[in-house]
mmCIF file of all heavy atoms, coordinates in Angstrom:
data_MODEL
# 
_entry.id   MODEL 
# 
loop_
_atom_site.group_PDB 
_atom_site.id 
_atom_site.type_symbol 
_atom_site.label_atom_id 
_atom_site.label_alt_id 
_atom_site.label_comp_id 
_atom_site.label_asym_id 
_atom_site.label_entity_id 
_atom_site.label_seq_id 
_atom_site.pdbx_PDB_ins_code 
_atom_site.Cartn_x 
_atom_site.Cartn_y 
_atom_site.Cartn_z 
_atom_site.occupancy 
_atom_site.B_iso_or_equiv 
_atom_site.pdbx_formal_charge 
_atom_site.auth_seq_id 
_atom_site.auth_comp_id 
_atom_site.auth_asym_id 
_atom_site.auth_atom_id 
_atom_site.pdbx_PDB_model_num 
ATOM 1   N N   . THR A 1 1  ? -8.988  15.396 -16.486 1.00 0.00 ? 1  THR A N   1 
ATOM 2   C CA  . THR A 1 1  ? -7.625  15.905 -16.302 1.00 0.00 ? 1  THR A CA  1 
ATOM 3   C C   . THR A 1 1  ? -6.621  14.797 -16.575 1.00 0.00 ? 1  THR A C   1 
ATOM 4   O O   . THR A 1 1  ? -6.827  13.652 -16.162 1.00 0.00 ? 1  THR A O   1 
ATOM 5   C CB  . THR A 1 1  ? -7.405  16.394 -14.850 1.00 0.00 ? 1  THR A CB  1 
ATOM 6   O OG1 . THR A 1 1  ? -8.393  17.377 -14.542 1.00 0.00 ? 1  THR A OG1 1 
ATOM 7   C CG2 . THR A 1 1  ? -6.024  16.978 -14.649 1.00 0.00 ? 1  THR A CG2 1 
ATOM 8   N N   . ILE A 1 2  ? -5.536  15.163 -17.259 1.00 0.00 ? 2  ILE A N   1 
ATOM 9   C CA  . ILE A 1 2  ? -4.398  14.255 -17.409 1.00 0.00 ? 2  ILE A CA  1 
ATOM 10  C C   . ILE A 1 2  ? -3.181  15.001 -16.887 1.00 0.00 ? 2  ILE A C   1 
ATOM 11  O O   . ILE A 1 2  ? -2.802  16.051 -17.409 1.00 0.00 ? 2  ILE A O   1 
ATOM 12  C CB  . ILE A 1 2  ? -4.194  13.817 -18.871 1.00 0.00 ? 2  ILE A CB  1 
ATOM 13  C CG1 . ILE A 1 2  ? -5.427  13.053 -19.368 1.00 0.00 ? 2  ILE A CG1 1 
ATOM 14  C CG2 . ILE A 1 2  ? -2.927  12.961 -18.992 1.00 0.00 ? 2  ILE A CG2 1 
ATOM 15  C CD1 . ILE A 1 2  ? -5.337  12.580 -20.804 1.00 0.00 ? 2  ILE A CD1 1 
ATOM 16  N N   . ALA A 1 3  ? -2.601  14.476 -15.825 1.00 0.00 ? 3  ALA A N   1 
ATOM 17  C CA  . ALA A 1 3  ? -1.421  15.056 -15.192 1.00 0.00 ? 3  ALA A CA  1 
ATOM 18  C C   . ALA A 1 3  ? -0.235  14.119 -15.429 1.00 0.00 ? 3  ALA A C   1 
ATOM 19  O O   . ALA A 1 3  ? -0.418  13.000 -15.921 1.00 0.00 ? 3  ALA A O   1 
ATOM 20  C CB  . ALA A 1 3  ? -1.680  15.232 -13.696 1.00 0.00 ? 3  ALA A CB  1 
ATOM 21  N N   . PRO A 1 4  ? 0.978   14.542 -15.084 1.00 0.00 ? 4  PRO A N   1 
ATOM 22  C CA  . PRO A 1 4  ? 2.142   13.683 -15.319 1.00 0.00 ? 4  PRO A CA  1 
ATOM 23  C C   . PRO A 1 4  ? 2.091   12.318 -14.635 1.00 0.00 ? 4  PRO A C   1 
ATOM 24  O O   . PRO A 1 4  ? 2.718   11.369 -15.103 1.00 0.00 ? 4  PRO A O   1 
ATOM 25  C CB  . PRO A 1 4  ? 3.310   14.506 -14.785 1.00 0.00 ? 4  PRO A CB  1 
ATOM 26  C CG  . PRO A 1 4  ? 2.857   15.921 -14.894 1.00 0.00 ? 4  PRO A CG  1 
ATOM 27  C CD  . PRO A 1 4  ? 1.367   15.870 -14.609 1.00 0.00 ? 4  PRO A CD  1 
ATOM 28  N N   . ASP A 1 5  ? 1.328   12.189 -13.545 1.00 0.00 ? 5  ASP A N   1 
ATOM 29  C CA  . ASP A 1 5  ? 1.326   10.928 -12.806 1.00 0.00 ? 5  ASP A CA  1 
ATOM 30  C C   . ASP A 1 5  ? -0.060  10.355 -12.528 1.00 0.00 ? 5  ASP A C   1 
ATOM 31  O O   . ASP A 1 5  ? -0.186  9.382  -11.800 1.00 0.00 ? 5  ASP A O   1 
ATOM 32  C CB  . ASP A 1 5  ? 2.080   11.091 -11.489 1.00 0.00 ? 5  ASP A CB  1 
ATOM 33  C CG  . ASP A 1 5  ? 1.436   12.114 -10.580 1.00 0.00 ? 5  ASP A CG  1 
ATOM 34  O OD1 . ASP A 1 5  ? 0.559   12.880 -11.036 1.00 0.00 ? 5  ASP A OD1 1 
ATOM 35  O OD2 . ASP A 1 5  ? 1.800   12.154 -9.404  1.00 0.00 ? 5  ASP A OD2 1 
ATOM 36  N N   . HIS A 1 6  ? -1.106  10.935 -13.121 1.00 0.00 ? 6  HIS A N   1 
ATOM 37  C CA  . HIS A 1 6  ? -2.450  10.409 -12.900 1.00 0.00 ? 6  HIS A CA  1 
ATOM 38  C C   . HIS A 1 6  ? -3.434  10.959 -13.924 1.00 0.00 ? 6  HIS A C   1 
ATOM 39  O O   . HIS A 1 6  ? -3.149  11.921 -14.621 1.00 0.00 ? 6  HIS A O   1 
ATOM 40  C CB  . HIS A 1 6  ? -2.942  10.725 -11.480 1.00 0.00 ? 6  HIS A CB  1 
ATOM 41  C CG  . HIS A 1 6  ? -3.168  12.182 -11.229 1.00 0.00 ? 6  HIS A CG  1 
ATOM 42  N ND1 . HIS A 1 6  ? -2.153  13.042 -10.869 1.00 0.00 ? 6  HIS A ND1 1 
ATOM 43  C CD2 . HIS A 1 6  ? -4.297  12.935 -11.283 1.00 0.00 ? 6  HIS A CD2 1 
ATOM 44  C CE1 . HIS A 1 6  ? -2.650  14.257 -10.704 1.00 0.00 ? 6  HIS A CE1 1 
ATOM 45  N NE2 . HIS A 1 6  ? -3.953  14.210 -10.959 1.00 0.00 ? 6  HIS A NE2 1 
ATOM 46  N N   . ILE A 1 7  ? -4.588  10.315 -13.969 1.00 0.00 ? 7  ILE A N   1 
ATOM 47  C CA  . ILE A 1 7  ? -5.713  10.757 -14.801 1.00 0.00 ? 7  ILE A CA  1 
ATOM 48  C C   . ILE A 1 7  ? -6.920  10.891 -13.888 1.00 0.00 ? 7  ILE A C   1 
ATOM 49  O O   . ILE A 1 7  ? -7.150  10.044 -13.019 1.00 0.00 ? 7  ILE A O   1 
ATOM 50  C CB  . ILE A 1 7  ? -6.006  9.734  -15.924 1.00 0.00 ? 7  ILE A CB  1 
ATOM 51  C CG1 . ILE A 1 7  ? -4.890  9.761  -16.961 1.00 0.00 ? 7  ILE A CG1 1 
ATOM 52  C CG2 . ILE A 1 7  ? -7.362  9.996  -16.567 1.00 0.00 ? 7  ILE A CG2 1 
ATOM 53  C CD1 . ILE A 1 7  ? -5.062  8.749  -18.075 1.00 0.00 ? 7  ILE A CD1 1 
ATOM 54  N N   . VAL A 1 8  ? -7.681  11.970 -14.077 1.00 0.00 ? 8  VAL A N   1 
ATOM 55  C CA  . VAL A 1 8  ? -8.905  12.172 -13.303 1.00 0.00 ? 8  VAL A CA  1 
ATOM 56  C C   . VAL A 1 8  ? -10.090 11.921 -14.222 1.00 0.00 ? 8  VAL A C   1 
ATOM 57  O O   . VAL A 1 8  ? -10.177 12.476 -15.317 1.00 0.00 ? 8  VAL A O   1 
ATOM 58  C CB  . VAL A 1 8  ? -8.975  13.598 -12.722 1.00 0.00 ? 8  VAL A CB  1 
ATOM 59  C CG1 . VAL A 1 8  ? -10.275 13.806 -11.951 1.00 0.00 ? 8  VAL A CG1 1 
ATOM 60  C CG2 . VAL A 1 8  ? -7.770  13.878 -11.824 1.00 0.00 ? 8  VAL A CG2 1 
ATOM 61  N N   . MET A 1 9  ? -10.999 11.055 -13.744 1.00 0.00 ? 9  MET A N   1 
ATOM 62  C CA  . MET A 1 9  ? -12.219 10.725 -14.477 1.00 0.00 ? 9  MET A CA  1 
ATOM 63  C C   . MET A 1 9  ? -13.410 11.221 -13.665 1.00 0.00 ? 9  MET A C   1 
ATOM 64  O O   . MET A 1 9  ? -13.446 11.042 -12.456 1.00 0.00 ? 9  MET A O   1 
ATOM 65  C CB  . MET A 1 9  ? -12.317 9.215  -14.687 1.00 0.00 ? 9  MET A CB  1 
ATOM 66  C CG  . MET A 1 9  ? -11.181 8.651  -15.491 1.00 0.00 ? 9  MET A CG  1 
ATOM 67  S SD  . MET A 1 9  ? -11.075 6.839  -15.557 1.00 0.00 ? 9  MET A SD  1 
ATOM 68  C CE  . MET A 1 9  ? -12.741 6.312  -15.632 1.00 0.00 ? 9  MET A CE  1 
ATOM 69  N N   . SER A 1 10 ? -14.382 11.836 -14.347 1.00 0.00 ? 10 SER A N   1 
ATOM 70  C CA  . SER A 1 10 ? -15.564 12.366 -13.673 1.00 0.00 ? 10 SER A CA  1 
ATOM 71  C C   . SER A 1 10 ? -16.818 11.730 -14.230 1.00 0.00 ? 10 SER A C   1 
ATOM 72  O O   . SER A 1 10 ? -16.957 11.543 -15.438 1.00 0.00 ? 10 SER A O   1 
ATOM 73  C CB  . SER A 1 10 ? -15.654 13.879 -13.863 1.00 0.00 ? 10 SER A CB  1 
ATOM 74  O OG  . SER A 1 10 ? -14.501 14.502 -13.370 1.00 0.00 ? 10 SER A OG  1 
ATOM 75  N N   . HIS A 1 11 ? -17.739 11.405 -13.318 1.00 0.00 ? 11 HIS A N   1 
ATOM 76  C CA  . HIS A 1 11 ? -19.050 10.867 -13.684 1.00 0.00 ? 11 HIS A CA  1 
ATOM 77  C C   . HIS A 1 11 ? -20.053 11.506 -12.735 1.00 0.00 ? 11 HIS A C   1 
ATOM 78  O O   . HIS A 1 11 ? -20.129 11.142 -11.565 1.00 0.00 ? 11 HIS A O   1 
ATOM 79  C CB  . HIS A 1 11 ? -19.071 9.343  -13.567 1.00 0.00 ? 11 HIS A CB  1 
ATOM 80  C CG  . HIS A 1 11 ? -20.409 8.746  -13.856 1.00 0.00 ? 11 HIS A CG  1 
ATOM 81  N ND1 . HIS A 1 11 ? -20.937 8.716  -15.134 1.00 0.00 ? 11 HIS A ND1 1 
ATOM 82  C CD2 . HIS A 1 11 ? -21.335 8.180  -13.056 1.00 0.00 ? 11 HIS A CD2 1 
ATOM 83  C CE1 . HIS A 1 11 ? -22.119 8.141  -15.091 1.00 0.00 ? 11 HIS A CE1 1 
ATOM 84  N NE2 . HIS A 1 11 ? -22.387 7.818  -13.833 1.00 0.00 ? 11 HIS A NE2 1 
ATOM 85  N N   . GLY A 1 12 ? -20.777 12.485 -13.259 1.00 0.00 ? 12 GLY A N   1 
ATOM 86  C CA  . GLY A 1 12 ? -21.709 13.217 -12.394 1.00 0.00 ? 12 GLY A CA  1 
ATOM 87  C C   . GLY A 1 12 ? -20.931 13.931 -11.303 1.00 0.00 ? 12 GLY A C   1 
ATOM 88  O O   . GLY A 1 12 ? -20.011 14.685 -11.574 1.00 0.00 ? 12 GLY A O   1 
ATOM 89  N N   . THR A 1 13 ? -21.275 13.649 -10.049 1.00 0.00 ? 13 THR A N   1 
ATOM 90  C CA  . THR A 1 13 ? -20.577 14.272 -8.925  1.00 0.00 ? 13 THR A CA  1 
ATOM 91  C C   . THR A 1 13 ? -19.444 13.393 -8.387  1.00 0.00 ? 13 THR A C   1 
ATOM 92  O O   . THR A 1 13 ? -18.797 13.744 -7.407  1.00 0.00 ? 13 THR A O   1 
ATOM 93  C CB  . THR A 1 13 ? -21.562 14.570 -7.777  1.00 0.00 ? 13 THR A CB  1 
ATOM 94  O OG1 . THR A 1 13 ? -22.178 13.345 -7.368  1.00 0.00 ? 13 THR A OG1 1 
ATOM 95  C CG2 . THR A 1 13 ? -22.627 15.567 -8.216  1.00 0.00 ? 13 THR A CG2 1 
ATOM 96  N N   . THR A 1 14 ? -19.191 12.255 -9.038  1.00 0.00 ? 14 THR A N   1 
ATOM 97  C CA  . THR A 1 14 ? -18.148 11.333 -8.602  1.00 0.00 ? 14 THR A CA  1 
ATOM 98  C C   . THR A 1 14 ? -16.871 11.564 -9.404  1.00 0.00 ? 14 THR A C   1 
ATOM 99  O O   . THR A 1 14 ? -16.907 11.701 -10.623 1.00 0.00 ? 14 THR A O   1 
ATOM 100 C CB  . THR A 1 14 ? -18.604 9.875  -8.797  1.00 0.00 ? 14 THR A CB  1 
ATOM 101 O OG1 . THR A 1 14 ? -19.818 9.675  -8.090  1.00 0.00 ? 14 THR A OG1 1 
ATOM 102 C CG2 . THR A 1 14 ? -17.553 8.898  -8.312  1.00 0.00 ? 14 THR A CG2 1 
ATOM 103 N N   . THR A 1 15 ? -15.752 11.601 -8.698  1.00 0.00 ? 15 THR A N   1 
ATOM 104 C CA  . THR A 1 15 ? -14.450 11.756 -9.332  1.00 0.00 ? 15 THR A CA  1 
ATOM 105 C C   . THR A 1 15 ? -13.589 10.564 -8.950  1.00 0.00 ? 15 THR A C   1 
ATOM 106 O O   . THR A 1 15 ? -13.538 10.170 -7.789  1.00 0.00 ? 15 THR A O   1 
ATOM 107 C CB  . THR A 1 15 ? -13.768 13.060 -8.861  1.00 0.00 ? 15 THR A CB  1 
ATOM 108 O OG1 . THR A 1 15 ? -14.605 14.160 -9.210  1.00 0.00 ? 15 THR A OG1 1 
ATOM 109 C CG2 . THR A 1 15 ? -12.414 13.238 -9.502  1.00 0.00 ? 15 THR A CG2 1 
ATOM 110 N N   . THR A 1 16 ? -12.908 9.994  -9.951  1.00 0.00 ? 16 THR A N   1 
ATOM 111 C CA  . THR A 1 16 ? -11.999 8.877  -9.731  1.00 0.00 ? 16 THR A CA  1 
ATOM 112 C C   . THR A 1 16 ? -10.621 9.271  -10.230 1.00 0.00 ? 16 THR A C   1 
ATOM 113 O O   . THR A 1 16 ? -10.492 9.799  -11.342 1.00 0.00 ? 16 THR A O   1 
ATOM 114 C CB  . THR A 1 16 ? -12.474 7.623  -10.499 1.00 0.00 ? 16 THR A CB  1 
ATOM 115 O OG1 . THR A 1 16 ? -13.788 7.298  -10.065 1.00 0.00 ? 16 THR A OG1 1 
ATOM 116 C CG2 . THR A 1 16 ? -11.549 6.447  -10.269 1.00 0.00 ? 16 THR A CG2 1 
ATOM 117 N N   . VAL A 1 17 ? -9.601  9.023  -9.423  1.00 0.00 ? 17 VAL A N   1 
ATOM 118 C CA  . VAL A 1 17 ? -8.226  9.295  -9.819  1.00 0.00 ? 17 VAL A CA  1 
ATOM 119 C C   . VAL A 1 17 ? -7.562  7.966  -10.154 1.00 0.00 ? 17 VAL A C   1 
ATOM 120 O O   . VAL A 1 17 ? -7.530  7.051  -9.335  1.00 0.00 ? 17 VAL A O   1 
ATOM 121 C CB  . VAL A 1 17 ? -7.450  10.026 -8.703  1.00 0.00 ? 17 VAL A CB  1 
ATOM 122 C CG1 . VAL A 1 17 ? -6.002  10.261 -9.124  1.00 0.00 ? 17 VAL A CG1 1 
ATOM 123 C CG2 . VAL A 1 17 ? -8.130  11.351 -8.348  1.00 0.00 ? 17 VAL A CG2 1 
ATOM 124 N N   . LEU A 1 18 ? -7.056  7.869  -11.360 1.00 0.00 ? 18 LEU A N   1 
ATOM 125 C CA  . LEU A 1 18 ? -6.393  6.668  -11.834 1.00 0.00 ? 18 LEU A CA  1 
ATOM 126 C C   . LEU A 1 18 ? -4.885  6.935  -11.818 1.00 0.00 ? 18 LEU A C   1 
ATOM 127 O O   . LEU A 1 18 ? -4.403  7.852  -12.486 1.00 0.00 ? 18 LEU A O   1 
ATOM 128 C CB  . LEU A 1 18 ? -6.871  6.365  -13.251 1.00 0.00 ? 18 LEU A CB  1 
ATOM 129 C CG  . LEU A 1 18 ? -6.529  5.037  -13.874 1.00 0.00 ? 18 LEU A CG  1 
ATOM 130 C CD1 . LEU A 1 18 ? -7.060  3.884  -13.033 1.00 0.00 ? 18 LEU A CD1 1 
ATOM 131 C CD2 . LEU A 1 18 ? -7.080  4.967  -15.287 1.00 0.00 ? 18 LEU A CD2 1 
ATOM 132 N N   . THR A 1 19 ? -4.152  6.168  -11.010 1.00 0.00 ? 19 THR A N   1 
ATOM 133 C CA  . THR A 1 19 ? -2.713  6.338  -10.896 1.00 0.00 ? 19 THR A CA  1 
ATOM 134 C C   . THR A 1 19 ? -2.000  5.105  -11.456 1.00 0.00 ? 19 THR A C   1 
ATOM 135 O O   . THR A 1 19 ? -2.620  4.068  -11.699 1.00 0.00 ? 19 THR A O   1 
ATOM 136 C CB  . THR A 1 19 ? -2.285  6.536  -9.431  1.00 0.00 ? 19 THR A CB  1 
ATOM 137 O OG1 . THR A 1 19 ? -2.709  5.414  -8.665  1.00 0.00 ? 19 THR A OG1 1 
ATOM 138 C CG2 . THR A 1 19 ? -2.894  7.805  -8.845  1.00 0.00 ? 19 THR A CG2 1 
ATOM 139 N N   . PHE A 1 20 ? -0.700  5.215  -11.604 1.00 0.00 ? 20 PHE A N   1 
ATOM 140 C CA  . PHE A 1 20 ? 0.077   4.074  -12.069 1.00 0.00 ? 20 PHE A CA  1 
ATOM 141 C C   . PHE A 1 20 ? 0.040   2.982  -11.000 1.00 0.00 ? 20 PHE A C   1 
ATOM 142 O O   . PHE A 1 20 ? 0.115   3.264  -9.809  1.00 0.00 ? 20 PHE A O   1 
ATOM 143 C CB  . PHE A 1 20 ? 1.532   4.472  -12.341 1.00 0.00 ? 20 PHE A CB  1 
ATOM 144 C CG  . PHE A 1 20 ? 1.685   5.358  -13.524 1.00 0.00 ? 20 PHE A CG  1 
ATOM 145 C CD1 . PHE A 1 20 ? 1.951   6.703  -13.380 1.00 0.00 ? 20 PHE A CD1 1 
ATOM 146 C CD2 . PHE A 1 20 ? 1.569   4.852  -14.817 1.00 0.00 ? 20 PHE A CD2 1 
ATOM 147 C CE1 . PHE A 1 20 ? 2.111   7.533  -14.487 1.00 0.00 ? 20 PHE A CE1 1 
ATOM 148 C CE2 . PHE A 1 20 ? 1.713   5.661  -15.918 1.00 0.00 ? 20 PHE A CE2 1 
ATOM 149 C CZ  . PHE A 1 20 ? 1.986   7.010  -15.757 1.00 0.00 ? 20 PHE A CZ  1 
ATOM 150 N N   . PRO A 1 21 ? -0.061  1.727  -11.422 1.00 0.00 ? 21 PRO A N   1 
ATOM 151 C CA  . PRO A 1 21 ? -0.104  0.624  -10.448 1.00 0.00 ? 21 PRO A CA  1 
ATOM 152 C C   . PRO A 1 21 ? 1.243   0.438  -9.773  1.00 0.00 ? 21 PRO A C   1 
ATOM 153 O O   . PRO A 1 21 ? 2.282   0.739  -10.351 1.00 0.00 ? 21 PRO A O   1 
ATOM 154 C CB  . PRO A 1 21 ? -0.466  -0.591 -11.299 1.00 0.00 ? 21 PRO A CB  1 
ATOM 155 C CG  . PRO A 1 21 ? -0.017  -0.237 -12.685 1.00 0.00 ? 21 PRO A CG  1 
ATOM 156 C CD  . PRO A 1 21 ? -0.149  1.257  -12.797 1.00 0.00 ? 21 PRO A CD  1 
ATOM 157 N N   . ASP A 1 22 ? 1.211   -0.059 -8.559  1.00 0.00 ? 22 ASP A N   1 
ATOM 158 C CA  . ASP A 1 22 ? 2.424   -0.429 -7.840  1.00 0.00 ? 22 ASP A CA  1 
ATOM 159 C C   . ASP A 1 22 ? 2.712   -1.865 -8.211  1.00 0.00 ? 22 ASP A C   1 
ATOM 160 O O   . ASP A 1 22 ? 2.191   -2.786 -7.587  1.00 0.00 ? 22 ASP A O   1 
ATOM 161 C CB  . ASP A 1 22 ? 2.217   -0.260 -6.342  1.00 0.00 ? 22 ASP A CB  1 
ATOM 162 C CG  . ASP A 1 22 ? 3.439   -0.632 -5.534  1.00 0.00 ? 22 ASP A CG  1 
ATOM 163 O OD1 . ASP A 1 22 ? 4.458   -1.042 -6.116  1.00 0.00 ? 22 ASP A OD1 1 
ATOM 164 O OD2 . ASP A 1 22 ? 3.383   -0.516 -4.298  1.00 0.00 ? 22 ASP A OD2 1 
ATOM 165 N N   . THR A 1 23 ? 3.526   -2.073 -9.237  1.00 0.00 ? 23 THR A N   1 
ATOM 166 C CA  . THR A 1 23 ? 3.769   -3.427 -9.727  1.00 0.00 ? 23 THR A CA  1 
ATOM 167 C C   . THR A 1 23 ? 4.598   -4.255 -8.770  1.00 0.00 ? 23 THR A C   1 
ATOM 168 O O   . THR A 1 23 ? 4.592   -5.473 -8.843  1.00 0.00 ? 23 THR A O   1 
ATOM 169 C CB  . THR A 1 23 ? 4.452   -3.408 -11.106 1.00 0.00 ? 23 THR A CB  1 
ATOM 170 O OG1 . THR A 1 23 ? 5.666   -2.664 -11.012 1.00 0.00 ? 23 THR A OG1 1 
ATOM 171 C CG2 . THR A 1 23 ? 3.544   -2.780 -12.143 1.00 0.00 ? 23 THR A CG2 1 
ATOM 172 N N   . LYS A 1 24 ? 5.278   -3.614 -7.825  1.00 0.00 ? 24 LYS A N   1 
ATOM 173 C CA  . LYS A 1 24 ? 6.071   -4.370 -6.834  1.00 0.00 ? 24 LYS A CA  1 
ATOM 174 C C   . LYS A 1 24 ? 5.163   -5.067 -5.834  1.00 0.00 ? 24 LYS A C   1 
ATOM 175 O O   . LYS A 1 24 ? 5.495   -6.104 -5.302  1.00 0.00 ? 24 LYS A O   1 
ATOM 176 C CB  . LYS A 1 24 ? 7.040   -3.439 -6.118  1.00 0.00 ? 24 LYS A CB  1 
ATOM 177 C CG  . LYS A 1 24 ? 8.127   -2.932 -7.021  1.00 0.00 ? 24 LYS A CG  1 
ATOM 178 C CD  . LYS A 1 24 ? 9.056   -2.004 -6.298  1.00 0.00 ? 24 LYS A CD  1 
ATOM 179 C CE  . LYS A 1 24 ? 10.082  -1.457 -7.264  1.00 0.00 ? 24 LYS A CE  1 
ATOM 180 N NZ  . LYS A 1 24 ? 10.952  -0.489 -6.660  1.00 0.00 ? 24 LYS A NZ  1 
ATOM 181 N N   . ASN A 1 25 ? 4.004   -4.460 -5.550  1.00 0.00 ? 25 ASN A N   1 
ATOM 182 C CA  . ASN A 1 25 ? 3.067   -5.029 -4.593  1.00 0.00 ? 25 ASN A CA  1 
ATOM 183 C C   . ASN A 1 25 ? 1.848   -5.650 -5.250  1.00 0.00 ? 25 ASN A C   1 
ATOM 184 O O   . ASN A 1 25 ? 0.920   -6.066 -4.584  1.00 0.00 ? 25 ASN A O   1 
ATOM 185 C CB  . ASN A 1 25 ? 2.615   -3.972 -3.589  1.00 0.00 ? 25 ASN A CB  1 
ATOM 186 C CG  . ASN A 1 25 ? 3.750   -3.509 -2.706  1.00 0.00 ? 25 ASN A CG  1 
ATOM 187 O OD1 . ASN A 1 25 ? 4.610   -4.301 -2.335  1.00 0.00 ? 25 ASN A OD1 1 
ATOM 188 N ND2 . ASN A 1 25 ? 3.783   -2.233 -2.402  1.00 0.00 ? 25 ASN A ND2 1 
# 
């Protein structure tokens, strides 16, 4: 999935959500 503020990656039964980094922190 590619949404306006994140990407979802799937590997088998594992799902990872990749969001924009908080560059301030």
